[in-house]
Amino acid sequence: MRCKLLPSTVRQETALIRAFALAATLVLTLALGVQAARAAEPAPIVSYARQAKFDDVRDDLRAAIEARGLVIDYQSHVNRMLERTGKDVGSAQPLYVDAQSFVFCSALLSRRMMEADAANVALCPFVLTVYATVQQPDTVVVAYRRPWRPDGSPASQAALSEVDALLDGLAREALGIK
């Protein structure tokens, strides 16, 4: 015996199927949109590497910073700190042949980025790090945190782009990369 569906029941089922298809399409579109937005965001850490002696690249990085009239406020010896504190935190595994960071600012660029958005003070001072790992002792890396905010105004993004260009130029110069 075959069941006959009343026309109103067929319409209800059709509407339900269409609503489900629309909801599934919406969820998929949102998921792909979030994934695409994340892919469009710049990498938070920029790094460049080449075969070189650590001391040479470190000295070239210092010279590049100072040649632009910038003052290094602090030189952090990251590797020494890790070696000194390793046993205290339960890991004495050596990570770096050496790792050092230079902390500095640009009065001009810092002012521009903070005038664009007072919250940009959290992105100052600027830090460039140079390191060579135990696994690849002959490869020296210069890295920095990208000064970027996804919520920034156009003026803030423009000012942060200038800072990014400065840091990128310094990192490349220290390694002799064009």
N, C-alpha and C. Protein backbone atom coordinates (compact mmCIF):
# COMPACT_ATOMS: atom_id res chain seq x y z
N MET A 1 0.83 -1.16 0.00
CA MET A 1 0.00 0.00 0.00
C MET A 1 0.89 1.24 0.00
N ARG A 2 0.66 2.13 -0.89
CA ARG A 2 1.44 3.36 -1.01
C ARG A 2 0.78 4.46 -0.23
N CYS A 3 1.66 5.24 0.42
CA CYS A 3 1.16 6.40 1.15
C CYS A 3 1.11 7.57 0.20
N LYS A 4 0.08 8.29 0.28
CA LYS A 4 -0.02 9.50 -0.51
C LYS A 4 0.27 10.67 0.39
N LEU A 5 1.15 11.52 -0.07
CA LEU A 5 1.46 12.73 0.68
C LEU A 5 0.50 13.83 0.26
N LEU A 6 0.03 14.50 1.20
CA LEU A 6 -0.84 15.63 0.91
C LEU A 6 0.00 16.75 0.34
N PRO A 7 -0.51 17.55 -0.54
CA PRO A 7 0.27 18.63 -1.15
C PRO A 7 0.90 19.55 -0.11
N SER A 8 0.24 19.81 1.01
CA SER A 8 0.82 20.70 2.02
C SER A 8 2.03 20.07 2.68
N THR A 9 2.02 18.72 2.84
CA THR A 9 3.15 18.02 3.44
C THR A 9 4.35 18.07 2.50
N VAL A 10 4.14 17.91 1.21
CA VAL A 10 5.21 17.98 0.23
C VAL A 10 5.83 19.37 0.25
N ARG A 11 4.99 20.38 0.30
CA ARG A 11 5.51 21.75 0.33
C ARG A 11 6.33 21.98 1.60
N GLN A 12 5.89 21.43 2.72
CA GLN A 12 6.63 21.60 3.97
C GLN A 12 7.99 20.91 3.90
N GLU A 13 8.02 19.68 3.35
CA GLU A 13 9.27 18.96 3.22
C GLU A 13 10.22 19.68 2.26
N THR A 14 9.70 20.18 1.18
CA THR A 14 10.52 20.92 0.21
C THR A 14 11.09 22.17 0.85
N ALA A 15 10.29 22.89 1.59
CA ALA A 15 10.75 24.10 2.27
C ALA A 15 11.82 23.76 3.30
N LEU A 16 11.62 22.66 4.01
CA LEU A 16 12.60 22.23 5.01
C LEU A 16 13.93 21.86 4.36
N ILE A 17 13.88 21.15 3.24
CA ILE A 17 15.10 20.77 2.52
C ILE A 17 15.82 22.02 2.02
N ARG A 18 15.07 22.95 1.47
CA ARG A 18 15.67 24.20 0.98
C ARG A 18 16.30 25.00 2.13
N ALA A 19 15.63 25.05 3.26
CA ALA A 19 16.17 25.79 4.42
C ALA A 19 17.46 25.13 4.91
N PHE A 20 17.47 23.79 4.93
CA PHE A 20 18.67 23.07 5.35
C PHE A 20 19.82 23.34 4.38
N ALA A 21 19.56 23.30 3.09
CA ALA A 21 20.59 23.55 2.08
C ALA A 21 21.12 24.98 2.21
N LEU A 22 20.23 25.93 2.44
CA LEU A 22 20.65 27.31 2.61
C LEU A 22 21.52 27.46 3.85
N ALA A 23 21.13 26.83 4.95
CA ALA A 23 21.91 26.90 6.18
C ALA A 23 23.30 26.27 6.00
N ALA A 24 23.35 25.15 5.31
CA ALA A 24 24.64 24.48 5.08
C ALA A 24 25.52 25.35 4.19
N THR A 25 24.95 25.98 3.19
CA THR A 25 25.71 26.87 2.31
C THR A 25 26.24 28.06 3.09
N LEU A 26 25.42 28.61 3.97
CA LEU A 26 25.83 29.75 4.79
C LEU A 26 26.99 29.39 5.71
N VAL A 27 26.89 28.24 6.36
CA VAL A 27 27.96 27.80 7.27
C VAL A 27 29.26 27.58 6.49
N LEU A 28 29.17 26.95 5.34
CA LEU A 28 30.36 26.71 4.53
C LEU A 28 30.96 28.03 4.04
N THR A 29 30.12 28.96 3.62
CA THR A 29 30.61 30.26 3.16
C THR A 29 31.31 31.01 4.28
N LEU A 30 30.72 31.00 5.47
CA LEU A 30 31.34 31.68 6.60
C LEU A 30 32.68 31.03 6.96
N ALA A 31 32.72 29.70 6.96
CA ALA A 31 33.96 29.00 7.30
C ALA A 31 35.05 29.32 6.28
N LEU A 32 34.72 29.33 5.01
CA LEU A 32 35.71 29.66 3.98
C LEU A 32 36.13 31.12 4.08
N GLY A 33 35.20 31.99 4.43
CA GLY A 33 35.52 33.41 4.58
C GLY A 33 36.50 33.64 5.72
N VAL A 34 36.29 32.98 6.84
CA VAL A 34 37.21 33.10 7.98
C VAL A 34 38.57 32.56 7.60
N GLN A 35 38.58 31.41 6.92
CA GLN A 35 39.86 30.83 6.50
C GLN A 35 40.58 31.76 5.52
N ALA A 36 39.86 32.36 4.59
CA ALA A 36 40.48 33.27 3.63
C ALA A 36 41.00 34.52 4.34
N ALA A 37 40.25 35.02 5.32
CA ALA A 37 40.70 36.20 6.07
C ALA A 37 41.98 35.89 6.83
N ARG A 38 42.04 34.71 7.43
CA ARG A 38 43.26 34.33 8.15
C ARG A 38 44.43 34.19 7.20
N ALA A 39 44.19 33.65 6.01
CA ALA A 39 45.26 33.48 5.04
C ALA A 39 45.76 34.83 4.55
N ALA A 40 44.88 35.84 4.54
CA ALA A 40 45.27 37.17 4.07
C ALA A 40 46.06 37.94 5.12
N GLU A 41 45.96 37.54 6.37
CA GLU A 41 46.71 38.23 7.42
C GLU A 41 48.20 37.96 7.25
N PRO A 42 49.01 38.97 7.45
CA PRO A 42 50.46 38.75 7.31
C PRO A 42 50.99 37.85 8.44
N ALA A 43 52.08 37.18 8.15
CA ALA A 43 52.70 36.32 9.16
C ALA A 43 53.14 37.18 10.34
N PRO A 44 52.94 36.70 11.56
CA PRO A 44 53.30 37.51 12.73
C PRO A 44 54.80 37.65 12.95
N ILE A 45 55.57 36.70 12.44
CA ILE A 45 57.03 36.76 12.59
C ILE A 45 57.65 36.69 11.20
N VAL A 46 58.53 37.64 10.93
CA VAL A 46 59.24 37.67 9.65
C VAL A 46 60.68 37.26 9.95
N SER A 47 61.22 36.36 9.13
CA SER A 47 62.61 35.96 9.34
C SER A 47 63.31 35.73 8.01
N TYR A 48 64.60 36.04 8.04
CA TYR A 48 65.46 35.83 6.88
C TYR A 48 66.70 35.09 7.38
N ALA A 49 67.24 34.22 6.53
CA ALA A 49 68.39 33.41 6.96
C ALA A 49 69.40 33.28 5.83
N ARG A 50 70.64 33.05 6.23
CA ARG A 50 71.70 32.72 5.27
C ARG A 50 72.85 32.08 6.02
N GLN A 51 73.71 31.43 5.27
CA GLN A 51 74.92 30.84 5.83
C GLN A 51 75.87 31.98 6.17
N ALA A 52 76.28 32.06 7.42
CA ALA A 52 77.17 33.15 7.84
C ALA A 52 77.67 32.87 9.24
N LYS A 53 78.58 33.71 9.70
CA LYS A 53 79.05 33.64 11.08
C LYS A 53 78.13 34.52 11.93
N PHE A 54 77.71 34.01 13.06
CA PHE A 54 76.79 34.74 13.93
C PHE A 54 77.32 36.13 14.26
N ASP A 55 78.55 36.20 14.73
CA ASP A 55 79.12 37.50 15.15
C ASP A 55 79.11 38.53 14.02
N ASP A 56 79.37 38.08 12.80
CA ASP A 56 79.37 39.00 11.66
C ASP A 56 77.98 39.59 11.43
N VAL A 57 76.96 38.72 11.44
CA VAL A 57 75.59 39.19 11.19
C VAL A 57 75.13 40.07 12.35
N ARG A 58 75.43 39.68 13.58
CA ARG A 58 75.06 40.50 14.74
C ARG A 58 75.67 41.90 14.62
N ASP A 59 76.95 41.95 14.28
CA ASP A 59 77.63 43.24 14.15
C ASP A 59 77.06 44.06 12.98
N ASP A 60 76.72 43.38 11.88
CA ASP A 60 76.12 44.07 10.74
C ASP A 60 74.73 44.60 11.09
N LEU A 61 73.99 43.86 11.91
CA LEU A 61 72.67 44.32 12.33
C LEU A 61 72.80 45.57 13.20
N ARG A 62 73.71 45.52 14.15
CA ARG A 62 73.96 46.69 15.01
C ARG A 62 74.35 47.90 14.16
N ALA A 63 75.24 47.70 13.21
CA ALA A 63 75.71 48.80 12.35
C ALA A 63 74.56 49.35 11.50
N ALA A 64 73.70 48.48 10.99
CA ALA A 64 72.57 48.94 10.17
C ALA A 64 71.61 49.80 10.99
N ILE A 65 71.34 49.38 12.22
CA ILE A 65 70.46 50.16 13.10
C ILE A 65 71.07 51.52 13.38
N GLU A 66 72.32 51.52 13.79
CA GLU A 66 72.98 52.77 14.15
C GLU A 66 73.22 53.68 12.95
N ALA A 67 73.41 53.10 11.76
CA ALA A 67 73.63 53.91 10.56
C ALA A 67 72.40 54.74 10.20
N ARG A 68 71.25 54.32 10.68
CA ARG A 68 70.03 55.09 10.43
C ARG A 68 69.77 56.12 11.53
N GLY A 69 70.77 56.30 12.39
CA GLY A 69 70.64 57.29 13.45
C GLY A 69 69.79 56.81 14.62
N LEU A 70 69.55 55.52 14.70
CA LEU A 70 68.73 54.96 15.78
C LEU A 70 69.65 54.51 16.92
N VAL A 71 69.14 54.61 18.13
CA VAL A 71 69.92 54.26 19.31
C VAL A 71 69.39 52.94 19.86
N ILE A 72 70.29 52.00 20.05
CA ILE A 72 69.91 50.71 20.65
C ILE A 72 69.81 50.93 22.15
N ASP A 73 68.60 50.77 22.68
CA ASP A 73 68.37 50.97 24.11
C ASP A 73 68.86 49.79 24.95
N TYR A 74 68.77 48.61 24.37
CA TYR A 74 69.11 47.41 25.14
C TYR A 74 69.48 46.29 24.19
N GLN A 75 70.46 45.50 24.58
CA GLN A 75 70.83 44.29 23.85
C GLN A 75 70.56 43.11 24.77
N SER A 76 69.61 42.30 24.40
CA SER A 76 69.22 41.14 25.21
C SER A 76 69.99 39.91 24.76
N HIS A 77 70.62 39.25 25.70
CA HIS A 77 71.37 38.01 25.42
C HIS A 77 70.46 36.83 25.74
N VAL A 78 69.55 36.54 24.83
CA VAL A 78 68.51 35.53 25.03
C VAL A 78 69.12 34.16 25.32
N ASN A 79 70.12 33.79 24.56
CA ASN A 79 70.73 32.48 24.74
C ASN A 79 71.35 32.33 26.13
N ARG A 80 72.02 33.37 26.60
CA ARG A 80 72.62 33.31 27.96
C ARG A 80 71.54 33.11 29.02
N MET A 81 70.41 33.80 28.87
CA MET A 81 69.32 33.65 29.82
C MET A 81 68.79 32.21 29.81
N LEU A 82 68.62 31.64 28.63
CA LEU A 82 68.12 30.27 28.54
C LEU A 82 69.10 29.29 29.16
N GLU A 83 70.39 29.49 28.92
CA GLU A 83 71.40 28.62 29.51
C GLU A 83 71.41 28.75 31.03
N ARG A 84 71.28 29.97 31.51
CA ARG A 84 71.33 30.22 32.96
C ARG A 84 70.11 29.65 33.68
N THR A 85 68.94 29.70 33.06
CA THR A 85 67.70 29.32 33.74
C THR A 85 67.20 27.94 33.38
N GLY A 86 67.84 27.28 32.43
CA GLY A 86 67.36 25.98 31.96
C GLY A 86 67.14 24.96 33.05
N LYS A 87 68.13 24.79 33.92
CA LYS A 87 68.01 23.80 34.99
C LYS A 87 66.87 24.15 35.95
N ASP A 88 66.68 25.45 36.17
CA ASP A 88 65.63 25.88 37.10
C ASP A 88 64.22 25.57 36.60
N VAL A 89 64.06 25.50 35.30
CA VAL A 89 62.73 25.22 34.74
C VAL A 89 62.61 23.78 34.22
N GLY A 90 63.61 22.98 34.48
CA GLY A 90 63.54 21.56 34.14
C GLY A 90 63.94 21.21 32.72
N SER A 91 64.67 22.08 32.05
CA SER A 91 65.12 21.78 30.70
C SER A 91 66.43 22.50 30.42
N ALA A 92 67.47 21.74 30.32
CA ALA A 92 68.78 22.32 30.03
C ALA A 92 69.17 22.06 28.57
N GLN A 93 68.20 21.67 27.75
CA GLN A 93 68.47 21.39 26.34
C GLN A 93 68.95 22.66 25.65
N PRO A 94 70.12 22.61 25.03
CA PRO A 94 70.59 23.79 24.29
C PRO A 94 69.77 24.00 23.02
N LEU A 95 69.33 25.23 22.81
CA LEU A 95 68.53 25.56 21.64
C LEU A 95 69.31 26.35 20.60
N TYR A 96 70.16 27.26 21.08
CA TYR A 96 70.86 28.18 20.20
C TYR A 96 72.37 28.11 20.40
N VAL A 97 73.09 28.34 19.33
CA VAL A 97 74.51 28.60 19.44
C VAL A 97 74.63 29.98 20.09
N ASP A 98 73.80 30.90 19.62
CA ASP A 98 73.68 32.22 20.21
C ASP A 98 72.36 32.83 19.74
N ALA A 99 71.80 33.69 20.57
CA ALA A 99 70.57 34.41 20.23
C ALA A 99 70.58 35.73 20.99
N GLN A 100 70.47 36.82 20.24
CA GLN A 100 70.49 38.14 20.86
C GLN A 100 69.43 39.02 20.19
N SER A 101 68.88 39.94 20.97
CA SER A 101 67.89 40.87 20.45
C SER A 101 68.34 42.29 20.69
N PHE A 102 68.07 43.15 19.71
CA PHE A 102 68.34 44.57 19.84
C PHE A 102 67.01 45.29 20.00
N VAL A 103 66.91 46.10 21.04
CA VAL A 103 65.70 46.86 21.34
C VAL A 103 66.00 48.33 21.05
N PHE A 104 65.15 48.95 20.23
CA PHE A 104 65.39 50.34 19.84
C PHE A 104 64.08 50.97 19.39
N CYS A 105 64.12 52.26 19.13
CA CYS A 105 62.95 52.98 18.63
C CYS A 105 63.36 53.98 17.57
N SER A 106 62.38 54.42 16.83
CA SER A 106 62.54 55.54 15.90
C SER A 106 61.57 56.60 16.38
N ALA A 107 62.09 57.74 16.81
CA ALA A 107 61.21 58.80 17.33
C ALA A 107 60.16 59.18 16.28
N LEU A 108 60.58 59.30 15.04
CA LEU A 108 59.67 59.72 13.97
C LEU A 108 58.57 58.68 13.74
N LEU A 109 58.96 57.43 13.53
CA LEU A 109 57.97 56.39 13.23
C LEU A 109 57.11 56.05 14.45
N SER A 110 57.71 56.08 15.62
CA SER A 110 56.93 55.81 16.84
C SER A 110 55.85 56.87 17.01
N ARG A 111 56.21 58.13 16.81
CA ARG A 111 55.23 59.21 16.94
C ARG A 111 54.12 59.05 15.90
N ARG A 112 54.48 58.75 14.66
CA ARG A 112 53.46 58.58 13.62
C ARG A 112 52.48 57.48 13.97
N MET A 113 53.00 56.34 14.44
CA MET A 113 52.09 55.23 14.71
C MET A 113 51.23 55.50 15.94
N MET A 114 51.75 56.24 16.92
CA MET A 114 50.95 56.54 18.11
C MET A 114 49.99 57.69 17.89
N GLU A 115 50.34 58.62 17.00
CA GLU A 115 49.38 59.67 16.65
C GLU A 115 48.22 59.07 15.88
N ALA A 116 48.49 58.05 15.08
CA ALA A 116 47.44 57.37 14.33
C ALA A 116 46.51 56.60 15.26
N ASP A 117 47.08 56.01 16.33
CA ASP A 117 46.28 55.26 17.30
C ASP A 117 47.10 55.12 18.57
N ALA A 118 46.60 55.70 19.65
CA ALA A 118 47.33 55.68 20.93
C ALA A 118 47.65 54.25 21.39
N ALA A 119 46.82 53.28 21.04
CA ALA A 119 47.05 51.89 21.46
C ALA A 119 48.29 51.29 20.81
N ASN A 120 48.79 51.91 19.75
CA ASN A 120 50.00 51.41 19.09
C ASN A 120 51.23 51.51 19.97
N VAL A 121 51.11 52.18 21.12
CA VAL A 121 52.24 52.23 22.06
C VAL A 121 52.66 50.82 22.46
N ALA A 122 51.72 49.89 22.40
CA ALA A 122 52.03 48.49 22.75
C ALA A 122 52.99 47.84 21.75
N LEU A 123 53.17 48.47 20.59
CA LEU A 123 54.06 47.92 19.57
C LEU A 123 55.46 48.54 19.62
N CYS A 124 55.70 49.35 20.63
CA CYS A 124 56.98 50.03 20.78
C CYS A 124 57.61 49.57 22.09
N PRO A 125 58.87 49.33 22.19
CA PRO A 125 59.93 49.55 21.22
C PRO A 125 59.96 48.46 20.15
N PHE A 126 60.82 48.67 19.18
CA PHE A 126 61.01 47.70 18.11
C PHE A 126 62.11 46.74 18.53
N VAL A 127 62.01 45.49 18.06
CA VAL A 127 62.99 44.47 18.42
C VAL A 127 63.38 43.69 17.17
N LEU A 128 64.66 43.57 16.94
CA LEU A 128 65.21 42.68 15.92
C LEU A 128 66.05 41.63 16.63
N THR A 129 65.85 40.39 16.26
CA THR A 129 66.56 39.28 16.91
C THR A 129 67.44 38.58 15.89
N VAL A 130 68.63 38.22 16.32
CA VAL A 130 69.55 37.46 15.48
C VAL A 130 69.89 36.17 16.23
N TYR A 131 69.83 35.05 15.52
CA TYR A 131 70.13 33.78 16.20
C TYR A 131 70.65 32.73 15.23
N ALA A 132 71.32 31.73 15.82
CA ALA A 132 71.73 30.53 15.11
C ALA A 132 71.39 29.37 16.03
N THR A 133 70.70 28.36 15.49
CA THR A 133 70.28 27.23 16.32
C THR A 133 71.37 26.17 16.43
N VAL A 134 71.24 25.33 17.42
CA VAL A 134 72.16 24.22 17.60
C VAL A 134 72.05 23.26 16.41
N GLN A 135 70.82 23.10 15.89
CA GLN A 135 70.61 22.18 14.76
C GLN A 135 71.24 22.70 13.47
N GLN A 136 71.29 24.02 13.30
CA GLN A 136 71.87 24.61 12.09
C GLN A 136 72.81 25.75 12.50
N PRO A 137 73.94 25.42 13.07
CA PRO A 137 74.84 26.44 13.62
C PRO A 137 75.44 27.40 12.60
N ASP A 138 75.48 26.99 11.33
CA ASP A 138 76.06 27.85 10.31
C ASP A 138 75.02 28.71 9.59
N THR A 139 73.76 28.57 9.97
CA THR A 139 72.69 29.39 9.39
C THR A 139 72.29 30.43 10.42
N VAL A 140 72.44 31.68 10.04
CA VAL A 140 72.09 32.78 10.94
C VAL A 140 70.76 33.38 10.47
N VAL A 141 69.89 33.62 11.43
CA VAL A 141 68.55 34.14 11.15
C VAL A 141 68.41 35.51 11.80
N VAL A 142 67.80 36.43 11.08
CA VAL A 142 67.39 37.71 11.65
C VAL A 142 65.87 37.74 11.55
N ALA A 143 65.22 38.01 12.68
CA ALA A 143 63.75 37.94 12.74
C ALA A 143 63.19 39.12 13.51
N TYR A 144 61.92 39.40 13.24
CA TYR A 144 61.20 40.43 13.99
C TYR A 144 59.71 40.13 14.01
N ARG A 145 59.03 40.69 15.02
CA ARG A 145 57.57 40.60 15.09
C ARG A 145 57.00 41.70 14.21
N ARG A 146 56.12 41.32 13.33
CA ARG A 146 55.52 42.29 12.41
C ARG A 146 54.62 43.25 13.20
N PRO A 147 54.84 44.56 13.04
CA PRO A 147 53.98 45.53 13.71
C PRO A 147 52.67 45.67 12.93
N TRP A 148 51.66 44.91 13.32
CA TRP A 148 50.43 44.86 12.53
C TRP A 148 49.25 44.66 13.45
N ARG A 149 48.16 45.29 13.11
CA ARG A 149 46.90 45.12 13.83
C ARG A 149 45.78 44.97 12.82
N PRO A 150 45.00 43.90 12.91
CA PRO A 150 43.91 43.71 11.96
C PRO A 150 42.79 44.74 12.15
N ASP A 151 42.74 45.36 13.32
CA ASP A 151 41.66 46.31 13.62
C ASP A 151 42.08 47.76 13.43
N GLY A 152 43.25 47.99 12.89
CA GLY A 152 43.78 49.34 12.78
C GLY A 152 43.09 50.19 11.72
N SER A 153 43.05 51.47 11.97
CA SER A 153 42.50 52.42 11.00
C SER A 153 43.46 52.51 9.81
N PRO A 154 43.02 53.10 8.71
CA PRO A 154 43.94 53.28 7.58
C PRO A 154 45.20 54.06 7.97
N ALA A 155 45.06 55.09 8.81
CA ALA A 155 46.24 55.86 9.24
C ALA A 155 47.17 54.99 10.08
N SER A 156 46.60 54.17 10.95
CA SER A 156 47.42 53.28 11.78
C SER A 156 48.12 52.25 10.91
N GLN A 157 47.38 51.66 9.98
CA GLN A 157 47.99 50.66 9.10
C GLN A 157 49.12 51.27 8.26
N ALA A 158 48.94 52.50 7.81
CA ALA A 158 49.99 53.17 7.03
C ALA A 158 51.24 53.39 7.89
N ALA A 159 51.04 53.86 9.12
CA ALA A 159 52.19 54.10 10.01
C ALA A 159 52.88 52.79 10.34
N LEU A 160 52.11 51.73 10.61
CA LEU A 160 52.72 50.44 10.94
C LEU A 160 53.43 49.84 9.73
N SER A 161 52.96 50.14 8.54
CA SER A 161 53.65 49.68 7.33
C SER A 161 55.03 50.31 7.22
N GLU A 162 55.14 51.57 7.63
CA GLU A 162 56.44 52.23 7.62
C GLU A 162 57.40 51.56 8.60
N VAL A 163 56.88 51.20 9.78
CA VAL A 163 57.71 50.51 10.77
C VAL A 163 58.13 49.15 10.23
N ASP A 164 57.19 48.44 9.63
CA ASP A 164 57.49 47.14 9.05
C ASP A 164 58.58 47.26 7.99
N ALA A 165 58.48 48.29 7.15
CA ALA A 165 59.49 48.50 6.10
C ALA A 165 60.87 48.77 6.72
N LEU A 166 60.90 49.54 7.79
CA LEU A 166 62.17 49.81 8.48
C LEU A 166 62.77 48.50 9.00
N LEU A 167 61.98 47.73 9.75
CA LEU A 167 62.48 46.48 10.32
C LEU A 167 62.90 45.50 9.24
N ASP A 168 62.11 45.41 8.19
CA ASP A 168 62.43 44.50 7.09
C ASP A 168 63.73 44.91 6.42
N GLY A 169 63.90 46.20 6.19
CA GLY A 169 65.13 46.69 5.57
C GLY A 169 66.35 46.42 6.40
N LEU A 170 66.22 46.62 7.71
CA LEU A 170 67.34 46.35 8.61
C LEU A 170 67.71 44.87 8.63
N ALA A 171 66.69 44.01 8.71
CA ALA A 171 66.94 42.57 8.73
C ALA A 171 67.64 42.12 7.45
N ARG A 172 67.15 42.59 6.33
CA ARG A 172 67.75 42.22 5.05
C ARG A 172 69.17 42.76 4.92
N GLU A 173 69.36 43.99 5.34
CA GLU A 173 70.70 44.60 5.24
C GLU A 173 71.72 43.82 6.06
N ALA A 174 71.34 43.40 7.26
CA ALA A 174 72.26 42.67 8.13
C ALA A 174 72.70 41.36 7.49
N LEU A 175 71.84 40.77 6.67
CA LEU A 175 72.17 39.50 6.03
C LEU A 175 72.67 39.66 4.61
N GLY A 176 72.73 40.91 4.11
CA GLY A 176 73.18 41.14 2.75
C GLY A 176 72.18 40.66 1.71
N ILE A 177 70.87 40.73 2.06
CA ILE A 177 69.81 40.31 1.14
C ILE A 177 69.19 41.56 0.51
N LYS A 178 69.02 41.54 -0.78
CA LYS A 178 68.41 42.69 -1.48
C LYS A 178 66.92 42.68 -1.30
